[in-house]
N, C-alpha and C. Protein backbone atom coordinates (compact mmCIF):
# COMPACT_ATOMS: atom_id res chain seq x y z
N MET A 1 109.26 70.18 81.19
CA MET A 1 109.64 71.50 80.76
C MET A 1 109.39 72.52 81.88
N LYS A 2 108.20 72.40 82.50
CA LYS A 2 107.87 73.33 83.58
C LYS A 2 108.83 73.15 84.75
N ASN A 3 109.15 71.89 85.08
CA ASN A 3 110.08 71.62 86.19
C ASN A 3 111.44 72.24 85.91
N LEU A 4 111.89 72.20 84.67
CA LEU A 4 113.17 72.79 84.30
C LEU A 4 113.14 74.30 84.49
N ALA A 5 112.04 74.93 84.10
CA ALA A 5 111.90 76.38 84.26
C ALA A 5 111.89 76.77 85.73
N VAL A 6 111.17 76.03 86.53
CA VAL A 6 111.11 76.32 87.97
C VAL A 6 112.48 76.14 88.60
N GLN A 7 113.20 75.11 88.20
CA GLN A 7 114.53 74.85 88.74
C GLN A 7 115.49 76.00 88.38
N ARG A 8 115.39 76.50 87.16
CA ARG A 8 116.25 77.61 86.75
C ARG A 8 115.93 78.88 87.54
N GLN A 9 114.63 79.11 87.81
CA GLN A 9 114.24 80.30 88.56
C GLN A 9 114.75 80.23 89.99
N ARG A 10 114.77 79.08 90.57
CA ARG A 10 115.25 78.92 91.95
C ARG A 10 116.74 79.19 92.05
N GLN A 11 117.46 78.96 90.97
CA GLN A 11 118.90 79.16 90.98
C GLN A 11 119.30 80.61 90.73
N SER A 12 118.33 81.47 90.39
CA SER A 12 118.62 82.87 90.11
C SER A 12 119.03 83.60 91.38
N THR A 13 120.05 84.42 91.25
CA THR A 13 120.49 85.25 92.38
C THR A 13 119.70 86.55 92.37
N PRO A 14 119.70 87.26 93.50
CA PRO A 14 119.00 88.56 93.52
C PRO A 14 119.55 89.53 92.47
N THR A 15 120.85 89.46 92.21
CA THR A 15 121.45 90.33 91.19
C THR A 15 120.89 90.00 89.81
N GLN A 16 120.77 88.71 89.52
CA GLN A 16 120.22 88.31 88.23
C GLN A 16 118.77 88.74 88.09
N MET A 17 118.01 88.65 89.18
CA MET A 17 116.62 89.08 89.14
C MET A 17 116.51 90.59 88.95
N ALA A 18 117.40 91.34 89.60
CA ALA A 18 117.41 92.80 89.44
C ALA A 18 117.76 93.17 88.00
N CYS A 19 118.72 92.47 87.41
CA CYS A 19 119.09 92.72 86.01
C CYS A 19 117.90 92.44 85.09
N TRP A 20 117.19 91.36 85.35
CA TRP A 20 116.02 91.04 84.54
C TRP A 20 114.97 92.14 84.68
N THR A 21 114.78 92.62 85.91
CA THR A 21 113.78 93.66 86.16
C THR A 21 114.13 94.93 85.40
N LEU A 22 115.40 95.32 85.42
CA LEU A 22 115.80 96.52 84.70
C LEU A 22 115.70 96.32 83.19
N TYR A 23 116.08 95.16 82.73
CA TYR A 23 116.05 94.87 81.30
C TYR A 23 114.62 94.79 80.79
N ARG A 24 113.76 94.22 81.59
CA ARG A 24 112.36 94.03 81.18
C ARG A 24 111.41 94.96 81.93
N ARG A 25 111.85 96.17 82.21
CA ARG A 25 111.06 97.09 83.04
C ARG A 25 109.70 97.43 82.42
N ARG A 26 109.61 97.46 81.09
CA ARG A 26 108.34 97.74 80.46
C ARG A 26 107.34 96.62 80.78
N ASP A 27 107.81 95.38 80.72
CA ASP A 27 106.94 94.25 81.07
C ASP A 27 106.52 94.32 82.53
N LEU A 28 107.46 94.71 83.39
CA LEU A 28 107.16 94.84 84.81
C LEU A 28 106.14 95.95 85.05
N ALA A 29 106.30 97.07 84.34
CA ALA A 29 105.35 98.18 84.48
C ALA A 29 103.96 97.75 84.02
N GLU A 30 103.89 97.00 82.93
CA GLU A 30 102.60 96.50 82.45
C GLU A 30 101.98 95.54 83.45
N LEU A 31 102.79 94.70 84.07
CA LEU A 31 102.30 93.76 85.08
C LEU A 31 101.74 94.52 86.28
N ILE A 32 102.44 95.53 86.73
CA ILE A 32 101.98 96.33 87.87
C ILE A 32 100.68 97.05 87.52
N GLU A 33 100.60 97.59 86.31
CA GLU A 33 99.38 98.27 85.87
C GLU A 33 98.20 97.30 85.82
N TYR A 34 98.45 96.11 85.31
CA TYR A 34 97.41 95.09 85.22
C TYR A 34 96.92 94.69 86.62
N LEU A 35 97.86 94.49 87.54
CA LEU A 35 97.49 94.13 88.92
C LEU A 35 96.70 95.24 89.58
N THR A 36 97.09 96.49 89.32
CA THR A 36 96.37 97.63 89.88
C THR A 36 94.94 97.68 89.37
N GLU A 37 94.76 97.40 88.08
CA GLU A 37 93.42 97.38 87.51
C GLU A 37 92.58 96.27 88.14
N LEU A 38 93.18 95.11 88.37
CA LEU A 38 92.45 94.00 88.99
C LEU A 38 92.03 94.35 90.42
N VAL A 39 92.92 94.96 91.18
CA VAL A 39 92.59 95.34 92.55
C VAL A 39 91.48 96.39 92.55
N SER A 40 91.55 97.35 91.64
CA SER A 40 90.50 98.37 91.55
C SER A 40 89.16 97.73 91.21
N ALA A 41 89.17 96.75 90.31
CA ALA A 41 87.94 96.06 89.96
C ALA A 41 87.37 95.30 91.16
N LEU A 42 88.25 94.71 91.97
CA LEU A 42 87.79 94.02 93.17
C LEU A 42 87.15 94.98 94.16
N VAL A 43 87.75 96.16 94.32
CA VAL A 43 87.18 97.16 95.23
C VAL A 43 85.80 97.58 94.75
N GLU A 44 85.63 97.72 93.44
CA GLU A 44 84.33 98.11 92.90
C GLU A 44 83.28 97.00 93.06
N LEU A 45 83.73 95.75 93.07
CA LEU A 45 82.79 94.64 93.20
C LEU A 45 82.22 94.52 94.61
N VAL A 46 83.00 94.88 95.61
CA VAL A 46 82.56 94.75 96.99
C VAL A 46 81.64 95.93 97.31
N PRO A 47 80.45 95.67 97.76
CA PRO A 47 79.52 96.75 98.11
C PRO A 47 80.07 97.62 99.24
N THR A 48 79.54 98.82 99.34
CA THR A 48 80.04 99.81 100.30
C THR A 48 79.82 99.37 101.75
N LYS A 49 78.69 98.74 102.04
CA LYS A 49 78.39 98.37 103.43
C LYS A 49 79.44 97.42 104.02
N PRO A 50 79.82 96.34 103.33
CA PRO A 50 80.88 95.49 103.88
C PRO A 50 82.22 96.23 104.01
N GLN A 51 82.49 97.14 103.08
CA GLN A 51 83.72 97.92 103.19
C GLN A 51 83.68 98.78 104.45
N GLN A 52 82.54 99.39 104.72
CA GLN A 52 82.39 100.21 105.92
C GLN A 52 82.55 99.37 107.18
N GLN A 53 81.96 98.19 107.19
CA GLN A 53 82.10 97.29 108.34
C GLN A 53 83.56 96.89 108.54
N LEU A 54 84.25 96.62 107.45
CA LEU A 54 85.66 96.24 107.54
C LEU A 54 86.49 97.40 108.08
N CYS A 55 86.22 98.62 107.59
CA CYS A 55 86.93 99.80 108.09
C CYS A 55 86.69 99.98 109.59
N ASN A 56 85.43 99.85 110.00
CA ASN A 56 85.11 100.00 111.42
C ASN A 56 85.83 98.96 112.27
N ALA A 57 85.86 97.72 111.79
CA ALA A 57 86.53 96.65 112.55
C ALA A 57 88.03 96.91 112.65
N GLU A 58 88.64 97.36 111.55
CA GLU A 58 90.08 97.62 111.56
C GLU A 58 90.42 98.79 112.49
N ILE A 59 89.63 99.85 112.42
CA ILE A 59 89.89 101.03 113.25
C ILE A 59 89.63 100.74 114.71
N ALA A 60 88.67 99.89 115.01
CA ALA A 60 88.37 99.54 116.41
C ALA A 60 89.54 98.84 117.08
N GLU A 61 90.37 98.18 116.28
CA GLU A 61 91.52 97.48 116.86
C GLU A 61 92.68 98.41 117.21
N ILE A 62 92.63 99.65 116.73
CA ILE A 62 93.70 100.61 117.04
C ILE A 62 93.36 101.25 118.37
N ASN A 63 94.14 100.93 119.39
CA ASN A 63 93.87 101.44 120.73
C ASN A 63 94.65 102.72 121.05
N ASN A 64 95.71 102.96 120.31
CA ASN A 64 96.57 104.10 120.57
C ASN A 64 96.05 105.33 119.82
N ASN A 65 95.76 106.40 120.55
CA ASN A 65 95.24 107.62 119.92
C ASN A 65 96.26 108.26 118.99
N LYS A 66 97.55 108.18 119.32
CA LYS A 66 98.58 108.74 118.46
C LYS A 66 98.62 108.03 117.12
N SER A 67 98.40 106.73 117.12
CA SER A 67 98.37 105.97 115.88
C SER A 67 97.18 106.39 115.02
N LEU A 68 96.05 106.63 115.65
CA LEU A 68 94.87 107.10 114.92
C LEU A 68 95.12 108.45 114.27
N VAL A 69 95.74 109.35 115.01
CA VAL A 69 96.02 110.68 114.48
C VAL A 69 97.03 110.59 113.33
N ALA A 70 98.04 109.73 113.48
CA ALA A 70 99.03 109.55 112.41
C ALA A 70 98.37 108.99 111.15
N LEU A 71 97.50 108.01 111.32
CA LEU A 71 96.78 107.43 110.18
C LEU A 71 95.88 108.48 109.53
N ASN A 72 95.24 109.30 110.32
CA ASN A 72 94.39 110.36 109.81
C ASN A 72 95.20 111.35 108.97
N THR A 73 96.38 111.69 109.45
CA THR A 73 97.27 112.61 108.72
C THR A 73 97.69 112.01 107.39
N ILE A 74 98.02 110.73 107.39
CA ILE A 74 98.45 110.07 106.15
C ILE A 74 97.31 110.02 105.14
N LEU A 75 96.11 109.75 105.61
CA LEU A 75 94.97 109.57 104.71
C LEU A 75 94.39 110.88 104.17
N ARG A 76 94.85 112.01 104.69
CA ARG A 76 94.33 113.30 104.19
C ARG A 76 94.67 113.52 102.72
N GLU A 77 95.81 113.02 102.31
CA GLU A 77 96.23 113.18 100.92
C GLU A 77 96.30 111.81 100.27
N PRO A 78 95.31 111.47 99.43
CA PRO A 78 95.31 110.15 98.78
C PRO A 78 96.55 109.98 97.90
N VAL A 79 97.07 108.75 97.87
CA VAL A 79 98.27 108.45 97.12
C VAL A 79 97.99 108.45 95.62
N GLY A 80 96.89 107.89 95.22
CA GLY A 80 96.56 107.82 93.79
C GLY A 80 95.07 107.80 93.58
N GLU A 81 94.67 107.92 92.34
CA GLU A 81 93.25 107.94 92.01
C GLU A 81 92.60 106.59 92.25
N ASP A 82 93.37 105.51 92.07
CA ASP A 82 92.81 104.17 92.19
C ASP A 82 92.30 103.87 93.59
N ASN A 83 92.96 104.41 94.59
CA ASN A 83 92.59 104.11 95.97
C ASN A 83 91.70 105.18 96.59
N ALA A 84 91.34 106.20 95.83
CA ALA A 84 90.59 107.33 96.38
C ALA A 84 89.30 106.92 97.08
N PRO A 85 88.43 106.08 96.50
CA PRO A 85 87.19 105.74 97.21
C PRO A 85 87.44 105.02 98.52
N LEU A 86 88.35 104.07 98.51
CA LEU A 86 88.64 103.32 99.73
C LEU A 86 89.36 104.20 100.75
N ASP A 87 90.29 105.03 100.29
CA ASP A 87 91.00 105.93 101.19
C ASP A 87 90.05 106.94 101.82
N SER A 88 89.11 107.46 101.04
CA SER A 88 88.17 108.44 101.61
C SER A 88 87.26 107.79 102.63
N LEU A 89 86.85 106.56 102.37
CA LEU A 89 86.02 105.82 103.33
C LEU A 89 86.80 105.58 104.62
N LEU A 90 88.03 105.18 104.50
CA LEU A 90 88.88 104.95 105.66
C LEU A 90 89.14 106.26 106.40
N PHE A 91 89.38 107.33 105.66
CA PHE A 91 89.62 108.64 106.26
C PHE A 91 88.41 109.09 107.08
N GLU A 92 87.22 108.94 106.51
CA GLU A 92 85.99 109.31 107.22
C GLU A 92 85.81 108.47 108.48
N THR A 93 86.12 107.19 108.40
CA THR A 93 85.98 106.30 109.55
C THR A 93 86.97 106.69 110.65
N VAL A 94 88.21 106.98 110.27
CA VAL A 94 89.22 107.37 111.25
C VAL A 94 88.84 108.70 111.89
N THR A 95 88.39 109.65 111.08
CA THR A 95 88.00 110.96 111.61
C THR A 95 86.85 110.84 112.60
N SER A 96 85.85 110.03 112.26
CA SER A 96 84.72 109.87 113.18
C SER A 96 85.14 109.15 114.46
N LYS A 97 86.08 108.21 114.36
CA LYS A 97 86.58 107.50 115.55
C LYS A 97 87.34 108.46 116.45
N ILE A 98 88.13 109.36 115.85
CA ILE A 98 88.87 110.35 116.65
C ILE A 98 87.88 111.26 117.37
N GLU A 99 86.85 111.71 116.67
CA GLU A 99 85.83 112.57 117.28
C GLU A 99 85.10 111.83 118.39
N GLU A 100 84.83 110.55 118.17
CA GLU A 100 84.14 109.73 119.18
C GLU A 100 84.99 109.60 120.43
N ARG A 101 86.29 109.37 120.25
CA ARG A 101 87.18 109.23 121.42
C ARG A 101 87.41 110.56 122.11
N ARG A 102 87.38 111.62 121.35
CA ARG A 102 87.61 112.94 121.92
C ARG A 102 86.44 113.35 122.81
N GLY A 103 85.23 112.92 122.45
CA GLY A 103 84.04 113.25 123.23
C GLY A 103 83.48 114.58 122.81
N PRO A 104 82.35 114.95 123.42
CA PRO A 104 81.73 116.23 123.05
C PRO A 104 82.64 117.39 123.48
N VAL A 105 82.78 118.33 122.56
CA VAL A 105 83.60 119.51 122.83
C VAL A 105 82.68 120.70 123.00
N ALA A 106 82.78 121.35 124.14
CA ALA A 106 81.94 122.52 124.41
C ALA A 106 82.51 123.73 123.68
N ILE A 107 81.64 124.49 123.03
CA ILE A 107 82.06 125.69 122.34
C ILE A 107 81.93 126.86 123.32
N VAL A 108 83.05 127.52 123.57
CA VAL A 108 83.07 128.64 124.49
C VAL A 108 83.06 129.93 123.69
N GLU A 109 82.11 130.81 124.01
CA GLU A 109 82.04 132.10 123.29
C GLU A 109 82.54 133.19 124.14
């Protein structure tokens, strides 16, 4: 039975899949909501220190200053509430990296 279902799914065209998506959009929305909740739960399970280390490692790999500034601009406005803690952590890491690369700035009076 499972093999028959898998075989039928492989024969589906992109148009048929799009029709299914539109027809069953409520189910798709529920699936997306469920996946979002699971990802949020995973973020909450991981302690802050490993998240900070991961952010530092990812940002260290960005060698282009323009890319850092672009990422900083994007992260200023969080996309949604679910990603706010991780986005703010990443934003703080990017901002500190930009300041670090910029070096000490003398204040002229």
